[in-house]
Amino acid sequence: MDFDTSKPGKLMLNMCIPSVITILVMQIYHMADVFFIGKLDSPAMVSGLSLASPIIAILSTVGVLVGGGGCAALAMALGRKDDISAKRIVAFSFWSSIGLGAIVGVLLLAFTDKLVSFFGASSEASLYCRHITASREIISSLVARPKLFKLFNPTSLFVSKEKS
């Protein structure tokens, strides 16, 4: 993608479409969860899933926060043709999202019971919410992150003194 000669509208579309698709996939995934859990005919399970959704959204927000800021800084560095800064920005964004995601995830898991009781959930719905939240965090840790490490080798993000 050539940032110098491409039209801004085309660049915006190329950058925004993957984000929109990601959000749509997350919503479709949530609707599928509600559909299949609803088939179990347990209102407490559906309540637990509904209570877990904002908690999971908070975790996703951390990634969007770091990713959005990182993308803006990366775009400016690429516009200046500063490859060293661009590599540092990518490395910082990558490790920050993992670190902040872990911290926020632990805090949310630690306070899930208090949070859902604040929302007025029953004890049974609270139990399902905790299971759903914990299982999503564990699945994310075991499935997504190793694939991310394999796909995108984070050790390659350390910038050497040489100009690339």
N, C-alpha and C. Protein backbone atom coordinates (compact mmCIF):
# COMPACT_ATOMS: atom_id res chain seq x y z
N MET A 1 0.85 -1.17 0.00
CA MET A 1 0.00 0.00 0.00
C MET A 1 0.90 1.24 0.00
N ASP A 2 0.68 2.10 -0.95
CA ASP A 2 1.50 3.29 -1.07
C ASP A 2 0.78 4.48 -0.46
N PHE A 3 1.30 4.97 0.65
CA PHE A 3 0.66 6.07 1.37
C PHE A 3 0.85 7.40 0.66
N ASP A 4 1.83 7.48 -0.21
CA ASP A 4 2.11 8.74 -0.89
C ASP A 4 1.18 9.01 -2.06
N THR A 5 0.82 7.97 -2.82
CA THR A 5 0.07 8.18 -4.04
C THR A 5 -1.39 7.75 -3.96
N SER A 6 -1.74 6.93 -2.98
CA SER A 6 -3.14 6.47 -2.86
C SER A 6 -4.03 7.59 -2.34
N LYS A 7 -5.29 7.52 -2.72
CA LYS A 7 -6.26 8.51 -2.27
C LYS A 7 -6.61 8.24 -0.80
N PRO A 8 -6.81 9.29 -0.02
CA PRO A 8 -7.12 9.11 1.41
C PRO A 8 -8.37 8.25 1.65
N GLY A 9 -9.39 8.41 0.83
CA GLY A 9 -10.61 7.62 1.00
C GLY A 9 -10.35 6.13 0.84
N LYS A 10 -9.55 5.79 -0.16
CA LYS A 10 -9.22 4.38 -0.39
C LYS A 10 -8.39 3.83 0.76
N LEU A 11 -7.45 4.64 1.25
CA LEU A 11 -6.64 4.21 2.39
C LEU A 11 -7.51 3.99 3.63
N MET A 12 -8.46 4.90 3.86
CA MET A 12 -9.36 4.75 5.02
C MET A 12 -10.17 3.47 4.91
N LEU A 13 -10.69 3.20 3.73
CA LEU A 13 -11.45 1.96 3.56
C LEU A 13 -10.59 0.73 3.80
N ASN A 14 -9.38 0.74 3.27
CA ASN A 14 -8.48 -0.40 3.46
C ASN A 14 -8.12 -0.60 4.93
N MET A 15 -8.07 0.47 5.69
CA MET A 15 -7.72 0.36 7.10
C MET A 15 -8.94 0.06 7.97
N CYS A 16 -10.11 0.55 7.60
CA CYS A 16 -11.31 0.41 8.44
C CYS A 16 -12.04 -0.90 8.25
N ILE A 17 -12.04 -1.43 7.05
CA ILE A 17 -12.82 -2.64 6.78
C ILE A 17 -12.41 -3.81 7.69
N PRO A 18 -11.13 -4.09 7.91
CA PRO A 18 -10.80 -5.19 8.83
C PRO A 18 -11.33 -4.97 10.25
N SER A 19 -11.32 -3.74 10.73
CA SER A 19 -11.86 -3.45 12.06
C SER A 19 -13.35 -3.70 12.13
N VAL A 20 -14.06 -3.27 11.11
CA VAL A 20 -15.51 -3.46 11.08
C VAL A 20 -15.84 -4.95 11.01
N ILE A 21 -15.10 -5.69 10.20
CA ILE A 21 -15.32 -7.14 10.10
C ILE A 21 -15.07 -7.81 11.44
N THR A 22 -14.03 -7.39 12.15
CA THR A 22 -13.74 -7.96 13.47
C THR A 22 -14.89 -7.73 14.43
N ILE A 23 -15.42 -6.52 14.45
CA ILE A 23 -16.53 -6.21 15.35
C ILE A 23 -17.76 -7.04 14.97
N LEU A 24 -18.04 -7.17 13.68
CA LEU A 24 -19.19 -7.96 13.24
C LEU A 24 -19.04 -9.43 13.63
N VAL A 25 -17.84 -9.98 13.47
CA VAL A 25 -17.60 -11.38 13.84
C VAL A 25 -17.81 -11.57 15.34
N MET A 26 -17.34 -10.62 16.15
CA MET A 26 -17.54 -10.72 17.59
C MET A 26 -19.03 -10.70 17.94
N GLN A 27 -19.81 -9.87 17.28
CA GLN A 27 -21.24 -9.80 17.56
C GLN A 27 -21.97 -11.06 17.10
N ILE A 28 -21.58 -11.59 15.95
CA ILE A 28 -22.19 -12.83 15.46
C ILE A 28 -21.86 -13.98 16.41
N TYR A 29 -20.64 -14.01 16.91
CA TYR A 29 -20.22 -15.02 17.87
C TYR A 29 -21.08 -14.93 19.13
N HIS A 30 -21.31 -13.72 19.61
CA HIS A 30 -22.14 -13.53 20.80
C HIS A 30 -23.58 -13.98 20.53
N MET A 31 -24.13 -13.64 19.37
CA MET A 31 -25.49 -14.07 19.05
C MET A 31 -25.59 -15.59 18.97
N ALA A 32 -24.56 -16.24 18.43
CA ALA A 32 -24.55 -17.70 18.38
C ALA A 32 -24.51 -18.28 19.79
N ASP A 33 -23.73 -17.67 20.67
CA ASP A 33 -23.70 -18.11 22.07
C ASP A 33 -25.08 -18.04 22.69
N VAL A 34 -25.73 -16.90 22.51
CA VAL A 34 -27.07 -16.71 23.10
C VAL A 34 -28.05 -17.73 22.51
N PHE A 35 -27.96 -17.97 21.22
CA PHE A 35 -28.86 -18.92 20.57
C PHE A 35 -28.70 -20.31 21.16
N PHE A 36 -27.45 -20.80 21.23
CA PHE A 36 -27.25 -22.18 21.70
C PHE A 36 -27.49 -22.31 23.20
N ILE A 37 -27.10 -21.32 23.97
CA ILE A 37 -27.37 -21.38 25.41
C ILE A 37 -28.87 -21.24 25.66
N GLY A 38 -29.55 -20.46 24.86
CA GLY A 38 -31.00 -20.33 24.98
C GLY A 38 -31.72 -21.64 24.71
N LYS A 39 -31.16 -22.49 23.85
CA LYS A 39 -31.75 -23.81 23.56
C LYS A 39 -31.69 -24.73 24.78
N LEU A 40 -30.81 -24.42 25.74
CA LEU A 40 -30.71 -25.25 26.95
C LEU A 40 -31.85 -25.00 27.92
N ASP A 41 -32.66 -23.98 27.64
CA ASP A 41 -33.84 -23.65 28.42
C ASP A 41 -33.50 -23.34 29.88
N SER A 42 -32.43 -22.55 30.06
CA SER A 42 -32.03 -22.13 31.40
C SER A 42 -31.87 -20.61 31.42
N PRO A 43 -32.83 -19.92 32.02
CA PRO A 43 -32.72 -18.45 32.09
C PRO A 43 -31.47 -17.99 32.84
N ALA A 44 -31.02 -18.76 33.82
CA ALA A 44 -29.82 -18.37 34.57
C ALA A 44 -28.58 -18.40 33.68
N MET A 45 -28.53 -19.36 32.76
CA MET A 45 -27.37 -19.43 31.85
C MET A 45 -27.38 -18.25 30.88
N VAL A 46 -28.54 -17.91 30.35
CA VAL A 46 -28.63 -16.76 29.45
C VAL A 46 -28.29 -15.48 30.20
N SER A 47 -28.75 -15.38 31.45
CA SER A 47 -28.41 -14.22 32.29
C SER A 47 -26.91 -14.15 32.53
N GLY A 48 -26.30 -15.30 32.81
CA GLY A 48 -24.85 -15.34 33.02
C GLY A 48 -24.09 -14.86 31.79
N LEU A 49 -24.55 -15.30 30.61
CA LEU A 49 -23.92 -14.85 29.37
C LEU A 49 -24.12 -13.36 29.16
N SER A 50 -25.31 -12.88 29.44
CA SER A 50 -25.58 -11.44 29.29
C SER A 50 -24.75 -10.62 30.26
N LEU A 51 -24.53 -11.14 31.46
CA LEU A 51 -23.70 -10.44 32.44
C LEU A 51 -22.22 -10.49 32.06
N ALA A 52 -21.80 -11.57 31.41
CA ALA A 52 -20.39 -11.71 31.01
C ALA A 52 -20.04 -10.83 29.83
N SER A 53 -21.02 -10.49 29.01
CA SER A 53 -20.75 -9.71 27.79
C SER A 53 -20.09 -8.37 28.06
N PRO A 54 -20.55 -7.55 29.01
CA PRO A 54 -19.85 -6.28 29.25
C PRO A 54 -18.44 -6.49 29.80
N ILE A 55 -18.25 -7.54 30.57
CA ILE A 55 -16.91 -7.82 31.12
C ILE A 55 -15.96 -8.18 29.98
N ILE A 56 -16.44 -8.99 29.06
CA ILE A 56 -15.62 -9.37 27.91
C ILE A 56 -15.38 -8.15 27.01
N ALA A 57 -16.40 -7.28 26.91
CA ALA A 57 -16.24 -6.06 26.11
C ALA A 57 -15.17 -5.15 26.70
N ILE A 58 -15.09 -5.11 28.03
CA ILE A 58 -14.04 -4.30 28.67
C ILE A 58 -12.67 -4.84 28.30
N LEU A 59 -12.51 -6.16 28.29
CA LEU A 59 -11.24 -6.75 27.88
C LEU A 59 -10.91 -6.41 26.43
N SER A 60 -11.92 -6.47 25.57
CA SER A 60 -11.71 -6.13 24.16
C SER A 60 -11.34 -4.66 24.00
N THR A 61 -11.91 -3.81 24.83
CA THR A 61 -11.65 -2.38 24.76
C THR A 61 -10.19 -2.06 25.01
N VAL A 62 -9.55 -2.83 25.89
CA VAL A 62 -8.13 -2.61 26.16
C VAL A 62 -7.32 -2.80 24.88
N GLY A 63 -7.62 -3.87 24.15
CA GLY A 63 -6.93 -4.12 22.89
C GLY A 63 -7.20 -3.04 21.86
N VAL A 64 -8.45 -2.58 21.78
CA VAL A 64 -8.81 -1.52 20.83
C VAL A 64 -8.13 -0.22 21.21
N LEU A 65 -8.06 0.07 22.50
CA LEU A 65 -7.42 1.29 22.98
C LEU A 65 -5.95 1.33 22.56
N VAL A 66 -5.23 0.27 22.87
CA VAL A 66 -3.81 0.23 22.53
C VAL A 66 -3.63 0.15 21.02
N GLY A 67 -4.46 -0.65 20.35
CA GLY A 67 -4.35 -0.79 18.90
C GLY A 67 -4.64 0.50 18.16
N GLY A 68 -5.66 1.22 18.59
CA GLY A 68 -6.01 2.48 17.93
C GLY A 68 -4.93 3.52 18.07
N GLY A 69 -4.42 3.67 19.28
CA GLY A 69 -3.32 4.63 19.49
C GLY A 69 -2.07 4.21 18.75
N GLY A 70 -1.80 2.92 18.77
CA GLY A 70 -0.61 2.40 18.07
C GLY A 70 -0.72 2.60 16.57
N CYS A 71 -1.92 2.41 16.03
CA CYS A 71 -2.11 2.61 14.58
C CYS A 71 -1.90 4.06 14.18
N ALA A 72 -2.40 4.98 14.99
CA ALA A 72 -2.21 6.40 14.67
C ALA A 72 -0.73 6.77 14.71
N ALA A 73 -0.04 6.32 15.77
CA ALA A 73 1.40 6.62 15.88
C ALA A 73 2.18 5.93 14.76
N LEU A 74 1.79 4.71 14.42
CA LEU A 74 2.46 3.98 13.34
C LEU A 74 2.26 4.68 12.00
N ALA A 75 1.04 5.16 11.75
CA ALA A 75 0.77 5.87 10.50
C ALA A 75 1.64 7.12 10.38
N MET A 76 1.79 7.84 11.50
CA MET A 76 2.64 9.05 11.46
C MET A 76 4.10 8.68 11.21
N ALA A 77 4.57 7.61 11.86
CA ALA A 77 5.96 7.19 11.65
C ALA A 77 6.18 6.72 10.22
N LEU A 78 5.23 5.98 9.67
CA LEU A 78 5.37 5.53 8.28
C LEU A 78 5.30 6.71 7.31
N GLY A 79 4.48 7.71 7.65
CA GLY A 79 4.41 8.91 6.82
C GLY A 79 5.73 9.66 6.79
N ARG A 80 6.45 9.63 7.92
CA ARG A 80 7.78 10.27 7.99
C ARG A 80 8.87 9.35 7.41
N LYS A 81 8.47 8.12 7.04
CA LYS A 81 9.40 7.08 6.56
C LYS A 81 10.46 6.76 7.61
N ASP A 82 10.03 6.73 8.87
CA ASP A 82 10.89 6.44 10.02
C ASP A 82 10.67 4.98 10.43
N ASP A 83 11.41 4.07 9.79
CA ASP A 83 11.22 2.64 10.03
C ASP A 83 11.58 2.22 11.46
N ILE A 84 12.60 2.83 12.03
CA ILE A 84 13.02 2.48 13.39
C ILE A 84 11.90 2.80 14.38
N SER A 85 11.34 4.00 14.29
CA SER A 85 10.22 4.37 15.18
C SER A 85 9.02 3.48 14.93
N ALA A 86 8.75 3.14 13.68
CA ALA A 86 7.61 2.29 13.35
C ALA A 86 7.76 0.92 14.02
N LYS A 87 8.95 0.35 13.97
CA LYS A 87 9.17 -0.95 14.61
C LYS A 87 9.01 -0.84 16.13
N ARG A 88 9.48 0.24 16.70
CA ARG A 88 9.34 0.43 18.15
C ARG A 88 7.87 0.60 18.54
N ILE A 89 7.12 1.31 17.73
CA ILE A 89 5.70 1.51 18.01
C ILE A 89 4.95 0.19 17.96
N VAL A 90 5.25 -0.62 16.95
CA VAL A 90 4.60 -1.94 16.83
C VAL A 90 4.96 -2.80 18.04
N ALA A 91 6.21 -2.81 18.42
CA ALA A 91 6.65 -3.61 19.58
C ALA A 91 5.96 -3.14 20.85
N PHE A 92 5.93 -1.84 21.05
CA PHE A 92 5.30 -1.29 22.25
C PHE A 92 3.81 -1.62 22.28
N SER A 93 3.14 -1.45 21.15
CA SER A 93 1.70 -1.73 21.09
C SER A 93 1.42 -3.21 21.35
N PHE A 94 2.22 -4.07 20.77
CA PHE A 94 2.05 -5.52 20.94
C PHE A 94 2.19 -5.91 22.41
N TRP A 95 3.30 -5.52 23.02
CA TRP A 95 3.54 -5.91 24.41
C TRP A 95 2.61 -5.20 25.38
N SER A 96 2.24 -3.96 25.07
CA SER A 96 1.31 -3.24 25.94
C SER A 96 -0.06 -3.89 25.94
N SER A 97 -0.53 -4.32 24.78
CA SER A 97 -1.85 -4.96 24.74
C SER A 97 -1.85 -6.27 25.51
N ILE A 98 -0.77 -7.01 25.43
CA ILE A 98 -0.69 -8.26 26.20
C ILE A 98 -0.61 -7.95 27.69
N GLY A 99 0.25 -7.01 28.08
CA GLY A 99 0.41 -6.67 29.49
C GLY A 99 -0.85 -6.07 30.10
N LEU A 100 -1.42 -5.07 29.43
CA LEU A 100 -2.65 -4.45 29.94
C LEU A 100 -3.82 -5.42 29.93
N GLY A 101 -3.89 -6.24 28.89
CA GLY A 101 -4.95 -7.25 28.83
C GLY A 101 -4.86 -8.23 29.99
N ALA A 102 -3.64 -8.64 30.33
CA ALA A 102 -3.46 -9.55 31.47
C ALA A 102 -3.85 -8.88 32.78
N ILE A 103 -3.41 -7.64 32.97
CA ILE A 103 -3.72 -6.92 34.21
C ILE A 103 -5.23 -6.71 34.35
N VAL A 104 -5.85 -6.19 33.30
CA VAL A 104 -7.30 -5.94 33.35
C VAL A 104 -8.06 -7.26 33.48
N GLY A 105 -7.59 -8.30 32.79
CA GLY A 105 -8.24 -9.60 32.89
C GLY A 105 -8.21 -10.16 34.31
N VAL A 106 -7.07 -10.08 34.96
CA VAL A 106 -6.96 -10.56 36.34
C VAL A 106 -7.86 -9.74 37.26
N LEU A 107 -7.85 -8.42 37.09
CA LEU A 107 -8.70 -7.57 37.93
C LEU A 107 -10.18 -7.88 37.72
N LEU A 108 -10.58 -8.04 36.47
CA LEU A 108 -11.98 -8.34 36.19
C LEU A 108 -12.38 -9.70 36.75
N LEU A 109 -11.50 -10.69 36.60
CA LEU A 109 -11.82 -12.01 37.15
C LEU A 109 -11.89 -11.96 38.67
N ALA A 110 -11.02 -11.16 39.27
CA ALA A 110 -11.02 -11.07 40.74
C ALA A 110 -12.28 -10.39 41.26
N PHE A 111 -12.82 -9.44 40.51
CA PHE A 111 -13.98 -8.68 40.99
C PHE A 111 -15.27 -9.02 40.25
N THR A 112 -15.29 -10.12 39.50
CA THR A 112 -16.49 -10.50 38.75
C THR A 112 -17.69 -10.66 39.68
N ASP A 113 -17.51 -11.35 40.79
CA ASP A 113 -18.64 -11.59 41.71
C ASP A 113 -19.22 -10.28 42.23
N LYS A 114 -18.36 -9.37 42.64
CA LYS A 114 -18.85 -8.09 43.16
C LYS A 114 -19.52 -7.27 42.06
N LEU A 115 -18.96 -7.33 40.87
CA LEU A 115 -19.52 -6.58 39.75
C LEU A 115 -20.91 -7.08 39.37
N VAL A 116 -21.06 -8.40 39.25
CA VAL A 116 -22.37 -8.92 38.84
C VAL A 116 -23.39 -8.82 39.97
N SER A 117 -22.95 -8.88 41.22
CA SER A 117 -23.92 -8.68 42.31
C SER A 117 -24.37 -7.21 42.33
N PHE A 118 -23.49 -6.30 41.94
CA PHE A 118 -23.86 -4.89 41.81
C PHE A 118 -24.95 -4.73 40.74
N PHE A 119 -24.86 -5.55 39.68
CA PHE A 119 -25.87 -5.51 38.62
C PHE A 119 -27.17 -6.17 39.06
N GLY A 120 -27.17 -6.84 40.22
CA GLY A 120 -28.38 -7.48 40.74
C GLY A 120 -28.59 -8.90 40.26
N ALA A 121 -27.54 -9.60 39.91
CA ALA A 121 -27.67 -10.96 39.41
C ALA A 121 -27.94 -11.95 40.54
N SER A 122 -28.64 -13.01 40.19
CA SER A 122 -28.85 -14.08 41.15
C SER A 122 -27.54 -14.83 41.35
N SER A 123 -27.46 -15.64 42.39
CA SER A 123 -26.22 -16.38 42.65
C SER A 123 -25.94 -17.39 41.54
N GLU A 124 -27.01 -17.99 40.98
CA GLU A 124 -26.82 -18.96 39.90
C GLU A 124 -26.31 -18.26 38.63
N ALA A 125 -26.90 -17.12 38.28
CA ALA A 125 -26.45 -16.37 37.11
C ALA A 125 -25.03 -15.86 37.32
N SER A 126 -24.70 -15.48 38.54
CA SER A 126 -23.34 -15.03 38.86
C SER A 126 -22.33 -16.15 38.64
N LEU A 127 -22.71 -17.37 39.03
CA LEU A 127 -21.83 -18.52 38.83
C LEU A 127 -21.58 -18.76 37.34
N TYR A 128 -22.63 -18.72 36.53
CA TYR A 128 -22.48 -18.91 35.08
C TYR A 128 -21.64 -17.78 34.47
N CYS A 129 -21.86 -16.58 34.93
CA CYS A 129 -21.08 -15.44 34.43
C CYS A 129 -19.59 -15.66 34.71
N ARG A 130 -19.26 -16.10 35.91
CA ARG A 130 -17.86 -16.35 36.26
C ARG A 130 -17.27 -17.45 35.36
N HIS A 131 -18.03 -18.51 35.13
CA HIS A 131 -17.54 -19.61 34.28
C HIS A 131 -17.32 -19.13 32.84
N ILE A 132 -18.26 -18.36 32.33
CA ILE A 132 -18.14 -17.88 30.95
C ILE A 132 -16.96 -16.93 30.81
N THR A 133 -16.84 -16.00 31.75
CA THR A 133 -15.74 -15.03 31.70
C THR A 133 -14.39 -15.73 31.82
N ALA A 134 -14.28 -16.63 32.79
CA ALA A 134 -13.01 -17.33 33.00
C ALA A 134 -12.67 -18.21 31.80
N SER A 135 -13.67 -18.92 31.26
CA SER A 135 -13.38 -19.81 30.14
C SER A 135 -12.97 -19.02 28.90
N ARG A 136 -13.58 -17.87 28.67
CA ARG A 136 -13.19 -17.05 27.52
C ARG A 136 -11.75 -16.54 27.68
N GLU A 137 -11.40 -16.13 28.91
CA GLU A 137 -10.04 -15.64 29.15
C GLU A 137 -9.03 -16.77 28.98
N ILE A 138 -9.37 -17.96 29.48
CA ILE A 138 -8.46 -19.10 29.36
C ILE A 138 -8.33 -19.52 27.90
N ILE A 139 -9.45 -19.59 27.19
CA ILE A 139 -9.40 -19.96 25.77
C ILE A 139 -8.59 -18.93 24.99
N SER A 140 -8.79 -17.66 25.28
CA SER A 140 -8.02 -16.61 24.62
C SER A 140 -6.53 -16.79 24.90
N SER A 141 -6.20 -17.11 26.14
CA SER A 141 -4.78 -17.28 26.50
C SER A 141 -4.17 -18.50 25.84
N LEU A 142 -4.91 -19.59 25.79
CA LEU A 142 -4.35 -20.84 25.28
C LEU A 142 -4.40 -20.95 23.77
N VAL A 143 -5.40 -20.35 23.15
CA VAL A 143 -5.58 -20.51 21.71
C VAL A 143 -5.06 -19.32 20.93
N ALA A 144 -5.55 -18.13 21.25
CA ALA A 144 -5.24 -16.96 20.43
C ALA A 144 -3.81 -16.50 20.60
N ARG A 145 -3.33 -16.38 21.82
CA ARG A 145 -2.01 -15.81 22.03
C ARG A 145 -0.89 -16.68 21.44
N PRO A 146 -0.89 -18.03 21.66
CA PRO A 146 0.17 -18.81 21.02
C PRO A 146 0.13 -18.72 19.50
N LYS A 147 -1.07 -18.69 18.91
CA LYS A 147 -1.16 -18.55 17.46
C LYS A 147 -0.61 -17.20 17.03
N LEU A 148 -0.89 -16.17 17.84
CA LEU A 148 -0.38 -14.84 17.55
C LEU A 148 1.14 -14.84 17.61
N PHE A 149 1.70 -15.52 18.63
CA PHE A 149 3.15 -15.59 18.75
C PHE A 149 3.75 -16.34 17.56
N LYS A 150 3.08 -17.39 17.13
CA LYS A 150 3.60 -18.17 16.00
C LYS A 150 3.49 -17.37 14.71
N LEU A 151 2.35 -16.70 14.53
CA LEU A 151 2.12 -15.92 13.31
C LEU A 151 2.99 -14.68 13.26
N PHE A 152 3.14 -14.05 14.40
CA PHE A 152 3.81 -12.75 14.47
C PHE A 152 4.88 -12.85 15.54
N ASN A 153 6.07 -13.26 15.16
CA ASN A 153 7.14 -13.53 16.11
C ASN A 153 7.52 -12.26 16.86
N PRO A 154 7.15 -12.16 18.16
CA PRO A 154 7.41 -10.92 18.90
C PRO A 154 8.89 -10.66 19.13
N THR A 155 9.72 -11.70 19.04
CA THR A 155 11.15 -11.45 19.23
C THR A 155 11.72 -10.65 18.07
N SER A 156 11.03 -10.69 16.93
CA SER A 156 11.50 -9.90 15.78
C SER A 156 11.19 -8.42 15.95
N LEU A 157 10.45 -8.09 16.99
CA LEU A 157 10.07 -6.69 17.20
C LEU A 157 11.16 -5.88 17.90
N PHE A 158 12.13 -6.57 18.45
CA PHE A 158 13.19 -5.82 19.10
C PHE A 158 14.06 -5.18 18.03
N VAL A 159 14.22 -3.92 18.16
CA VAL A 159 14.90 -3.16 17.11
C VAL A 159 16.40 -3.15 17.38
N SER A 160 17.17 -3.46 16.35
CA SER A 160 18.61 -3.39 16.48
C SER A 160 19.06 -1.96 16.21
N LYS A 161 20.33 -1.70 16.45
CA LYS A 161 20.88 -0.35 16.23
C LYS A 161 21.01 -0.04 14.75
N GLU A 162 21.02 -1.10 13.94
CA GLU A 162 21.19 -0.88 12.50
C GLU A 162 19.90 -0.36 11.88
N LYS A 163 20.06 0.44 10.86
CA LYS A 163 18.91 0.94 10.12
C LYS A 163 18.43 -0.14 9.17
N SER A 164 17.11 -0.44 9.16
CA SER A 164 16.63 -1.50 8.28
C SER A 164 16.18 -1.00 6.96
